[in-house]
């Protein structure tokens, strides 16, 4: 565990279409990481899954906008 004392982090897995490589993973991760409260993002192009850890549940429209900004499409939660 990191130095954070917050043990109530929320982990959400999203499905994103269009990711095909490590560059795609990086672009999606970078945009979602910029959202307030996000502490970790792991995008996997092979499965199309993006795992996000945040201090509180994220607004799905904010996540959708971030994914759109990266050039991909949020399908929904996995």
Foldseek 3Di string as FASTA:
>chain_A
DDPDPQPPKDKFKWAKPDQDDPVLQVLLQVLVCPDPFWDDWGADSVRRIIITIGSDDDDVVSSQVSNVVSPIGTPTTD
